[in-house]
N, C-alpha and C. Protein backbone atom coordinates (compact mmCIF):
# COMPACT_ATOMS: atom_id res chain seq x y z
N UNK A 1 -37.06 6.87 9.90
CA UNK A 1 -35.36 7.36 10.37
C UNK A 1 -34.79 7.81 9.31
N UNK A 2 -33.91 8.82 9.08
CA UNK A 2 -32.89 8.96 7.74
C UNK A 2 -32.16 8.57 8.06
N UNK A 3 -31.37 7.30 6.73
CA UNK A 3 -30.08 7.36 6.96
C UNK A 3 -29.16 8.15 7.78
N UNK A 4 -27.42 8.27 7.87
CA UNK A 4 -26.66 8.75 8.10
C UNK A 4 -25.67 7.89 7.66
N UNK A 5 -24.51 8.98 7.80
CA UNK A 5 -23.04 7.86 7.65
C UNK A 5 -22.24 8.83 8.94
N UNK A 6 -21.32 8.30 9.09
CA UNK A 6 -19.91 8.46 9.86
C UNK A 6 -18.42 9.04 9.47
N UNK A 7 -18.67 10.83 8.82
CA UNK A 7 -17.20 10.53 8.09
C UNK A 7 -15.96 10.88 8.99
N UNK A 8 -15.04 10.65 8.94
CA UNK A 8 -13.93 11.15 9.57
C UNK A 8 -12.70 11.45 8.65
N UNK A 9 -12.04 13.13 9.22
CA UNK A 9 -11.30 13.34 8.31
C UNK A 9 -9.59 12.81 8.79
N UNK A 10 -8.99 12.20 7.68
CA UNK A 10 -7.83 11.24 7.88
C UNK A 10 -6.76 11.64 7.08
N UNK A 11 -7.08 13.12 6.28
CA UNK A 11 -5.30 13.75 6.03
C UNK A 11 -6.12 15.03 6.20
N UNK A 12 -4.69 15.96 5.83
CA UNK A 12 -4.46 17.37 6.15
C UNK A 12 -5.02 17.68 4.59
N UNK A 13 -5.54 19.08 4.77
CA UNK A 13 -5.77 20.13 3.78
C UNK A 13 -4.61 21.12 2.89
N UNK A 14 -3.64 20.97 3.72
CA UNK A 14 -2.22 21.14 3.82
C UNK A 14 -1.76 21.11 2.31
N UNK A 15 -1.88 22.33 1.41
CA UNK A 15 -0.98 21.34 0.36
C UNK A 15 -1.95 21.22 -0.69
N UNK A 16 -3.28 21.84 -0.35
CA UNK A 16 -4.38 21.04 -1.38
C UNK A 16 -5.11 21.70 -2.21
N UNK A 17 -5.70 21.72 -3.51
CA UNK A 17 -6.32 22.90 -4.10
C UNK A 17 -7.28 23.57 -3.30
N UNK A 18 -8.08 24.53 -3.41
CA UNK A 18 -8.99 25.15 -2.50
C UNK A 18 -10.26 25.10 -2.84
N UNK A 19 -10.43 24.17 -4.02
CA UNK A 19 -12.49 23.62 -4.19
C UNK A 19 -12.16 22.60 -2.71
N UNK A 20 -10.98 21.30 -2.71
CA UNK A 20 -10.89 20.52 -1.67
C UNK A 20 -11.01 20.53 -0.08
N UNK A 21 -10.12 21.80 -0.17
CA UNK A 21 -10.27 22.58 1.46
C UNK A 21 -11.75 23.13 1.74
N UNK A 22 -12.27 23.66 0.46
CA UNK A 22 -13.96 24.32 1.07
C UNK A 22 -14.72 22.72 0.89
N UNK A 23 -14.03 22.22 0.09
CA UNK A 23 -14.99 20.74 0.40
C UNK A 23 -14.87 20.20 1.30
N UNK A 24 -14.09 20.52 2.50
CA UNK A 24 -14.33 19.71 3.86
C UNK A 24 -14.51 20.43 4.53
N UNK A 25 -14.47 21.91 4.17
CA UNK A 25 -15.70 22.59 4.86
C UNK A 25 -16.60 22.55 4.91
N UNK A 26 -16.96 22.22 3.84
CA UNK A 26 -18.24 21.78 4.01
C UNK A 26 -19.08 20.63 4.27
N UNK A 27 -17.72 20.08 4.91
CA UNK A 27 -18.70 18.43 5.59
C UNK A 27 -18.53 18.71 6.91
N UNK A 28 -17.48 20.09 6.63
CA UNK A 28 -18.27 20.31 8.72
C UNK A 28 -16.46 20.04 9.47
N UNK A 29 -15.38 19.68 8.57
CA UNK A 29 -14.12 19.02 8.86
C UNK A 29 -13.45 19.88 8.84
N UNK A 30 -12.31 20.10 9.65
CA UNK A 30 -11.03 21.19 9.04
C UNK A 30 -9.97 20.64 10.16
N UNK A 31 -10.40 19.97 11.26
CA UNK A 31 -8.46 18.96 11.93
C UNK A 31 -9.02 18.01 11.73
N UNK A 32 -7.23 17.20 11.85
CA UNK A 32 -7.80 15.65 11.37
C UNK A 32 -7.89 15.34 12.69
N UNK A 33 -8.53 13.90 12.34
CA UNK A 33 -9.27 13.25 13.31
C UNK A 33 -10.29 13.43 13.79
N UNK A 34 -11.49 15.01 13.20
CA UNK A 34 -12.67 14.60 13.69
C UNK A 34 -14.21 14.12 13.37
N UNK A 35 -14.53 13.62 13.32
CA UNK A 35 -15.89 13.22 12.89
C UNK A 35 -17.26 13.98 12.61
N UNK A 36 -17.28 13.76 11.96
CA UNK A 36 -19.52 14.40 11.74
C UNK A 36 -20.10 12.99 11.34
N UNK A 37 -21.44 13.71 11.93
CA UNK A 37 -22.65 12.20 11.30
C UNK A 37 -23.30 13.31 10.67
N UNK A 38 -23.08 12.68 9.41
CA UNK A 38 -24.42 13.61 8.05
C UNK A 38 -24.99 12.60 8.02
N UNK A 39 -26.27 13.29 6.80
CA UNK A 39 -27.10 12.93 6.46
C UNK A 39 -26.92 12.10 5.49
N UNK A 40 -27.30 11.09 4.84
CA UNK A 40 -26.46 10.15 3.92
C UNK A 40 -27.77 10.60 2.18
N UNK A 41 -26.99 11.39 1.79
CA UNK A 41 -27.35 12.57 0.96
C UNK A 41 -26.91 12.06 -0.96
N UNK A 42 -27.46 11.71 -2.19
CA UNK A 42 -26.25 12.22 -3.18
C UNK A 42 -25.37 13.08 -2.79
N UNK A 43 -25.46 14.23 -2.22
CA UNK A 43 -24.96 15.51 -2.22
C UNK A 43 -23.69 15.03 -1.56
N UNK A 44 -23.75 14.69 0.05
CA UNK A 44 -23.04 14.27 0.52
C UNK A 44 -22.15 13.00 0.16
N UNK A 45 -22.67 12.26 -0.68
CA UNK A 45 -21.82 11.15 -1.08
C UNK A 45 -20.54 11.46 -2.07
N UNK A 46 -21.28 12.66 -3.12
CA UNK A 46 -20.46 13.32 -3.92
C UNK A 46 -19.22 14.28 -3.48
N UNK A 47 -19.51 14.98 -2.08
CA UNK A 47 -18.34 15.46 -2.09
C UNK A 47 -17.13 14.67 -0.35
N UNK A 48 -18.34 14.30 -0.30
CA UNK A 48 -16.81 12.54 -0.01
C UNK A 48 -16.57 11.86 -1.01
N UNK A 49 -16.46 11.81 -1.90
CA UNK A 49 -16.18 11.35 -2.90
C UNK A 49 -14.66 12.01 -3.67
N UNK A 50 -15.22 13.16 -3.51
CA UNK A 50 -14.22 14.37 -3.75
C UNK A 50 -12.98 14.43 -3.55
N UNK A 51 -13.29 13.47 -2.15
CA UNK A 51 -11.86 14.11 -1.36
C UNK A 51 -11.60 13.12 -0.52
N UNK A 52 -12.61 11.92 -1.12
CA UNK A 52 -11.89 10.68 -0.52
C UNK A 52 -10.68 10.08 -0.08
N UNK A 53 -9.36 10.78 -0.27
CA UNK A 53 -8.08 10.76 -0.42
C UNK A 53 -8.37 11.42 1.10
N UNK A 54 -8.60 11.78 1.82
CA UNK A 54 -8.84 12.28 2.91
C UNK A 54 -10.02 12.14 4.04
N UNK A 55 -10.74 11.81 3.68
CA UNK A 55 -11.62 11.37 4.44
C UNK A 55 -11.83 9.79 4.54
N UNK A 56 -13.13 8.79 5.37
CA UNK A 56 -12.97 7.93 5.77
C UNK A 56 -14.16 7.68 6.60
N UNK A 57 -14.88 6.64 5.72
CA UNK A 57 -16.54 6.23 6.30
C UNK A 57 -16.41 5.18 7.20
N UNK A 58 -16.68 5.82 8.77
CA UNK A 58 -16.68 4.99 9.75
C UNK A 58 -17.37 4.17 9.92
N UNK A 59 -18.93 4.62 10.13
CA UNK A 59 -19.95 3.72 9.90
C UNK A 59 -21.36 4.66 9.17
N UNK A 60 -22.18 3.65 8.68
CA UNK A 60 -23.03 3.49 8.60
C UNK A 60 -24.12 3.75 8.92
N UNK A 61 -25.38 4.17 9.66
CA UNK A 61 -26.11 3.69 10.41
C UNK A 61 -27.89 4.20 9.14
N UNK A 62 -28.54 3.35 9.92
CA UNK A 62 -30.28 3.59 9.50
C UNK A 62 -30.68 2.60 8.01
């Protein structure tokens, strides 16, 4: 079974650079307080680190 992480959006993308808004869309987040369960890969971790001020890792599974 692959490791997964649950990511929750806690910050608004309003008045943020386009690259940060695009990163949130790439993670599947576009509205406040939404959560997504994503595979724990280096690419996903890098995306989460890029927008760490707007997202929160709620849970790590696996």
